[in-house]
Amino acid sequence: MTPKWLGLLAVVVVLGGLFVRLGIWQYEVAQADARQEALDAALAQPVLPLDEVIQPHMPFPDTGSNQRVEAVGRYEPDRLRYVPQRLLDGVEGRWAIVPFVVESTGARIPVLRGFLAGSAQVAADPPAPTGRLTVVGSLAPSESPRSGHGLLPEGEIGSVDLGELLNLWGGEVYNGFLFAISETPDPGDVAAVGSGSAAGSPGAVERVPPPDVPTGLSMRNAAYALQWWLFAVFGLWMWVKMVRDDYRRRVLQPAGDPP
């Protein structure tokens, strides 16, 4: 192989690498755009009454993830459970899960009230508000049981596994849980109004954003990514073709014929 073709190969490799990187960038943009579109669509959904979306013992609806719902009822702070080894903005801590008894059905739905950094004692954690409340939250399906935790301390669970919570709490339980967005006390309930840990009050737990909804790709940016990758493949194919054609001309040319 002549230096000319080696030099051209170096150029093709550099440009091909650049095209591949541009394709990866466009692919990441396609994922980000699709995720943002899905989240915007979820946030644009109206807040529906919980019982219009799911009923106790009813399978989790296919379109239920990240649906914002509201329910009226009361927390059961004495049934609080923690989910350890959770991250929020790179900080490890615990999720605080409290059952919320829905007034219309008497069934419990677990509410992820928020995130607590570190592993402070339960007594130091802000309690759930008492009294009659309206809770608005983002609906999520049950998590899978987590293994490998060994024996957890009392009051902790490995995940928001509704089967485990049903065994702990008994009674009727909704087949889903809420990422709490807001807690509004009933103006006529003195216990609720006087609670010091409602959303926005000093010492309240930090809210946990709901997980991203499953998304596909933004087709426009995905097409751009494919285009860049095709450019990289085409450049390498052209180099191979040119080298092969040059080799055939030199090998198949009769001896003594002018080049």
Protein backbone atom coordinates (compact mmCIF):
# COMPACT_ATOMS: atom_id res chain seq x y z
CA MET A 1 0.00 0.00 0.00
CA THR A 2 1.41 3.35 -1.06
CA PRO A 3 1.85 6.34 1.25
CA LYS A 4 -0.87 8.10 -0.73
CA TRP A 5 -3.48 5.53 0.31
CA LEU A 6 -2.21 5.40 3.89
CA GLY A 7 -2.54 9.16 4.14
CA LEU A 8 -6.03 9.05 2.70
CA LEU A 9 -6.93 6.28 5.17
CA ALA A 10 -5.81 8.50 8.05
CA VAL A 11 -8.08 11.28 6.78
CA VAL A 12 -11.00 8.84 6.41
CA VAL A 13 -10.48 7.50 9.94
CA VAL A 14 -10.38 11.00 11.46
CA LEU A 15 -13.47 12.13 9.57
CA GLY A 16 -15.22 8.82 10.27
CA GLY A 17 -14.54 9.19 13.98
CA LEU A 18 -15.92 12.71 13.86
CA PHE A 19 -19.04 11.54 12.03
CA VAL A 20 -19.59 8.72 14.53
CA ARG A 21 -19.28 11.15 17.43
CA LEU A 22 -21.73 13.53 15.77
CA GLY A 23 -24.12 10.61 15.30
CA ILE A 24 -23.86 9.69 18.97
CA TRP A 25 -24.52 13.29 19.92
CA GLN A 26 -27.62 13.41 17.73
CA TYR A 27 -28.80 10.10 19.20
CA GLU A 28 -28.45 11.49 22.73
CA VAL A 29 -30.36 14.60 21.66
CA ALA A 30 -33.07 12.35 20.21
CA GLN A 31 -33.41 10.55 23.55
CA ALA A 32 -33.41 13.80 25.54
CA ASP A 33 -35.99 15.43 23.26
CA ALA A 34 -38.28 12.40 23.46
CA ARG A 35 -37.92 12.28 27.25
CA GLN A 36 -38.71 15.97 27.58
CA GLU A 37 -41.72 15.66 25.29
CA ALA A 38 -43.04 12.76 27.39
CA LEU A 39 -42.50 14.66 30.64
CA ASP A 40 -44.14 17.79 29.24
CA ALA A 41 -47.10 15.68 28.17
CA ALA A 42 -47.31 14.13 31.64
CA LEU A 43 -47.20 17.55 33.32
CA ALA A 44 -49.84 18.87 30.94
CA GLN A 45 -52.27 16.16 32.02
CA PRO A 46 -55.05 17.31 34.34
CA VAL A 47 -55.00 16.22 37.97
CA LEU A 48 -57.58 13.42 38.16
CA PRO A 49 -59.29 11.95 41.20
CA LEU A 50 -57.37 8.84 42.24
CA ASP A 51 -60.42 6.60 41.99
CA GLU A 52 -60.95 7.57 38.34
CA VAL A 53 -57.52 6.18 37.51
CA ILE A 54 -57.17 3.15 39.75
CA GLN A 55 -59.21 1.25 42.34
CA PRO A 56 -58.04 -0.98 45.21
CA HIS A 57 -56.87 -4.41 43.94
CA MET A 58 -57.16 -3.16 40.35
CA PRO A 59 -54.10 -3.82 38.12
CA PHE A 60 -51.94 -0.80 37.50
CA PRO A 61 -53.24 0.95 34.35
CA ASP A 62 -51.06 0.96 31.24
CA THR A 63 -51.20 4.74 31.04
CA GLY A 64 -50.93 5.33 34.79
CA SER A 65 -47.21 6.08 35.13
CA ASN A 66 -46.65 9.76 36.00
CA GLN A 67 -50.39 10.48 35.90
CA ARG A 68 -51.07 13.21 38.43
CA VAL A 69 -53.88 12.32 40.81
CA GLU A 70 -55.41 13.69 43.99
CA ALA A 71 -57.02 11.99 46.95
CA VAL A 72 -58.64 13.11 50.18
CA GLY A 73 -57.91 11.21 53.37
CA ARG A 74 -55.53 10.88 56.30
CA TYR A 75 -51.97 9.68 56.82
CA GLU A 76 -51.11 6.90 59.25
CA PRO A 77 -47.78 8.22 60.57
CA ASP A 78 -47.28 5.27 62.92
CA ARG A 79 -46.97 2.96 59.87
CA LEU A 80 -44.09 4.95 58.37
CA ARG A 81 -41.46 2.91 56.52
CA TYR A 82 -38.08 3.91 55.06
CA VAL A 83 -36.44 2.73 51.86
CA PRO A 84 -32.65 3.07 52.32
CA GLN A 85 -29.86 3.53 49.78
CA ARG A 86 -31.68 5.97 47.54
CA LEU A 87 -29.99 8.85 45.73
CA LEU A 88 -31.17 12.40 45.11
CA ASP A 89 -28.82 14.77 43.27
CA GLY A 90 -25.90 12.49 44.10
CA VAL A 91 -26.65 12.39 47.83
CA GLU A 92 -27.50 9.07 49.48
CA GLY A 93 -30.40 8.89 51.86
CA ARG A 94 -33.80 7.32 52.43
CA TRP A 95 -37.30 7.56 51.05
CA ALA A 96 -40.06 8.15 53.59
CA ILE A 97 -43.11 6.03 52.74
CA VAL A 98 -46.34 6.67 54.66
CA PRO A 99 -49.73 4.97 54.05
CA PHE A 100 -52.52 7.36 53.13
CA VAL A 101 -56.04 6.14 53.86
CA VAL A 102 -58.27 7.33 51.02
CA GLU A 103 -61.54 8.62 52.38
CA SER A 104 -63.72 7.42 49.50
CA THR A 105 -62.62 3.76 49.68
CA GLY A 106 -60.95 3.25 53.06
CA ALA A 107 -58.01 1.65 51.23
CA ARG A 108 -54.38 2.65 51.70
CA ILE A 109 -52.06 4.00 49.04
CA PRO A 110 -48.36 4.36 49.87
CA VAL A 111 -47.13 7.94 49.51
CA LEU A 112 -43.48 8.76 49.00
CA ARG A 113 -43.49 11.97 51.02
CA GLY A 114 -39.87 12.79 50.35
CA PHE A 115 -36.18 12.19 50.70
CA LEU A 116 -34.15 12.27 53.91
CA ALA A 117 -30.39 12.61 53.53
CA GLY A 118 -28.12 10.33 55.53
CA SER A 119 -29.39 7.86 58.09
CA ALA A 120 -30.57 10.05 60.96
CA GLN A 121 -32.67 8.59 63.74
CA VAL A 122 -36.37 8.24 63.07
CA ALA A 123 -37.14 10.62 65.94
CA ALA A 124 -35.31 13.42 64.14
CA ASP A 125 -37.35 13.05 60.96
CA PRO A 126 -40.29 15.42 60.39
CA PRO A 127 -43.55 13.52 60.97
CA ALA A 128 -46.30 13.23 58.39
CA PRO A 129 -49.08 15.80 58.80
CA THR A 130 -52.12 14.60 60.70
CA GLY A 131 -55.77 15.26 60.07
CA ARG A 132 -57.75 15.40 56.86
CA LEU A 133 -55.68 16.32 53.78
CA THR A 134 -55.83 16.52 50.03
CA VAL A 135 -52.73 14.90 48.58
CA VAL A 136 -51.67 15.49 44.98
CA GLY A 137 -49.06 13.12 43.62
CA SER A 138 -47.61 11.42 40.58
CA LEU A 139 -48.74 7.81 40.26
CA ALA A 140 -46.17 5.02 39.93
CA PRO A 141 -46.34 1.20 39.79
CA SER A 142 -44.98 -1.09 42.48
CA GLU A 143 -41.24 -1.64 42.56
CA SER A 144 -39.76 -5.13 42.39
CA PRO A 145 -38.52 -6.74 45.60
CA ARG A 146 -34.82 -6.03 46.19
CA SER A 147 -32.51 -8.77 47.32
CA GLY A 148 -29.03 -8.54 48.77
CA HIS A 149 -29.93 -6.18 51.60
CA GLY A 150 -29.71 -8.82 54.30
CA LEU A 151 -31.65 -8.17 57.47
CA LEU A 152 -32.82 -4.55 57.45
CA PRO A 153 -33.30 -2.52 60.63
CA GLU A 154 -36.80 -2.25 62.01
CA GLY A 155 -38.87 0.25 60.05
CA GLU A 156 -36.96 -0.19 56.78
CA ILE A 157 -37.93 -2.03 53.60
CA GLY A 158 -35.82 -2.85 50.58
CA SER A 159 -38.10 -1.23 47.99
CA VAL A 160 -41.61 0.11 47.49
CA ASP A 161 -42.86 -3.43 47.00
CA LEU A 162 -46.63 -3.36 47.42
CA GLY A 163 -46.75 -7.06 48.24
CA GLU A 164 -44.46 -6.49 51.22
CA LEU A 165 -46.39 -3.38 52.29
CA LEU A 166 -49.67 -5.29 52.09
CA ASN A 167 -48.24 -7.87 54.47
CA LEU A 168 -47.09 -5.10 56.81
CA TRP A 169 -50.20 -2.93 56.75
CA GLY A 170 -52.99 -5.38 55.96
CA GLY A 171 -56.40 -4.30 54.69
CA GLU A 172 -56.95 -3.02 51.17
CA VAL A 173 -54.05 -1.42 49.31
CA TYR A 174 -53.95 0.29 45.93
CA ASN A 175 -51.70 -1.35 43.34
CA GLY A 176 -49.49 1.71 42.99
CA PHE A 177 -47.92 4.49 45.02
CA LEU A 178 -47.60 8.27 44.85
CA PHE A 179 -44.66 10.62 44.53
CA ALA A 180 -46.09 13.42 46.68
CA ILE A 181 -46.32 16.82 45.01
CA SER A 182 -48.42 18.73 47.53
CA GLU A 183 -50.36 18.22 50.76
CA THR A 184 -53.21 20.64 51.45
CA PRO A 185 -54.84 20.59 54.89
CA ASP A 186 -58.62 20.66 55.16
CA PRO A 187 -59.41 24.20 56.41
CA GLY A 188 -62.05 22.76 58.71
CA ASP A 189 -59.70 20.24 60.34
CA VAL A 190 -57.77 21.79 63.20
CA ALA A 191 -55.34 18.84 63.41
CA ALA A 192 -54.46 19.13 59.73
CA VAL A 193 -54.12 22.91 59.72
CA GLY A 194 -51.94 22.82 62.80
CA SER A 195 -49.56 20.20 61.42
CA GLY A 196 -46.04 21.55 61.17
CA SER A 197 -44.76 19.32 58.37
CA ALA A 198 -47.05 20.06 55.51
CA ALA A 199 -45.48 20.92 52.19
CA GLY A 200 -43.56 24.15 52.28
CA SER A 201 -43.25 24.33 56.07
CA PRO A 202 -39.89 24.43 57.87
CA GLY A 203 -38.34 21.03 58.32
CA ALA A 204 -40.42 19.37 55.61
CA VAL A 205 -38.87 16.44 53.77
CA GLU A 206 -37.43 17.10 50.31
CA ARG A 207 -39.75 16.06 47.51
CA VAL A 208 -38.58 13.33 45.15
CA PRO A 209 -39.27 13.90 41.43
CA PRO A 210 -41.06 11.05 39.70
CA PRO A 211 -38.99 8.82 37.43
CA ASP A 212 -38.85 9.48 33.72
CA VAL A 213 -41.61 7.86 31.74
CA PRO A 214 -40.55 5.22 29.19
CA THR A 215 -39.85 6.96 25.91
CA GLY A 216 -38.71 6.25 22.41
CA LEU A 217 -36.69 8.61 20.22
CA SER A 218 -37.24 11.91 18.52
CA MET A 219 -37.38 10.67 14.94
CA ARG A 220 -35.92 13.86 13.43
CA ASN A 221 -32.74 13.72 15.52
CA ALA A 222 -32.56 9.94 15.17
CA ALA A 223 -32.55 10.41 11.39
CA TYR A 224 -29.71 12.92 11.73
CA ALA A 225 -27.75 10.41 13.81
CA LEU A 226 -28.25 7.72 11.17
CA GLN A 227 -27.16 10.16 8.48
CA TRP A 228 -23.84 10.89 10.24
CA TRP A 229 -23.15 7.18 10.74
CA LEU A 230 -23.88 6.51 7.08
CA PHE A 231 -21.38 9.23 6.14
CA ALA A 232 -18.73 7.43 8.23
CA VAL A 233 -19.48 4.07 6.59
CA PHE A 234 -19.61 5.62 3.12
CA GLY A 235 -16.19 7.25 3.57
CA LEU A 236 -14.59 3.95 4.56
CA TRP A 237 -16.36 2.12 1.71
CA MET A 238 -15.13 4.69 -0.80
CA TRP A 239 -11.55 4.32 0.45
CA VAL A 240 -11.72 0.51 0.12
CA LYS A 241 -13.22 0.80 -3.36
CA MET A 242 -10.56 3.25 -4.54
CA VAL A 243 -7.72 1.11 -3.17
CA ARG A 244 -9.18 -2.01 -4.77
CA ASP A 245 -9.66 -0.30 -8.14
CA ASP A 246 -6.09 1.03 -8.05
CA TYR A 247 -4.75 -2.42 -7.19
CA ARG A 248 -6.69 -4.03 -10.04
CA ARG A 249 -5.42 -1.48 -12.53
CA ARG A 250 -1.82 -2.09 -11.52
CA VAL A 251 -2.05 -5.89 -11.31
CA LEU A 252 -4.19 -6.50 -14.38
CA GLN A 253 -2.37 -4.01 -16.61
CA PRO A 254 -0.26 -5.97 -19.18
CA ALA A 255 3.49 -5.68 -18.74
CA GLY A 256 5.02 -2.91 -20.84
CA ASP A 257 1.72 -1.07 -21.33
CA PRO A 258 1.74 2.54 -20.29
CA PRO A 259 0.06 3.16 -16.95
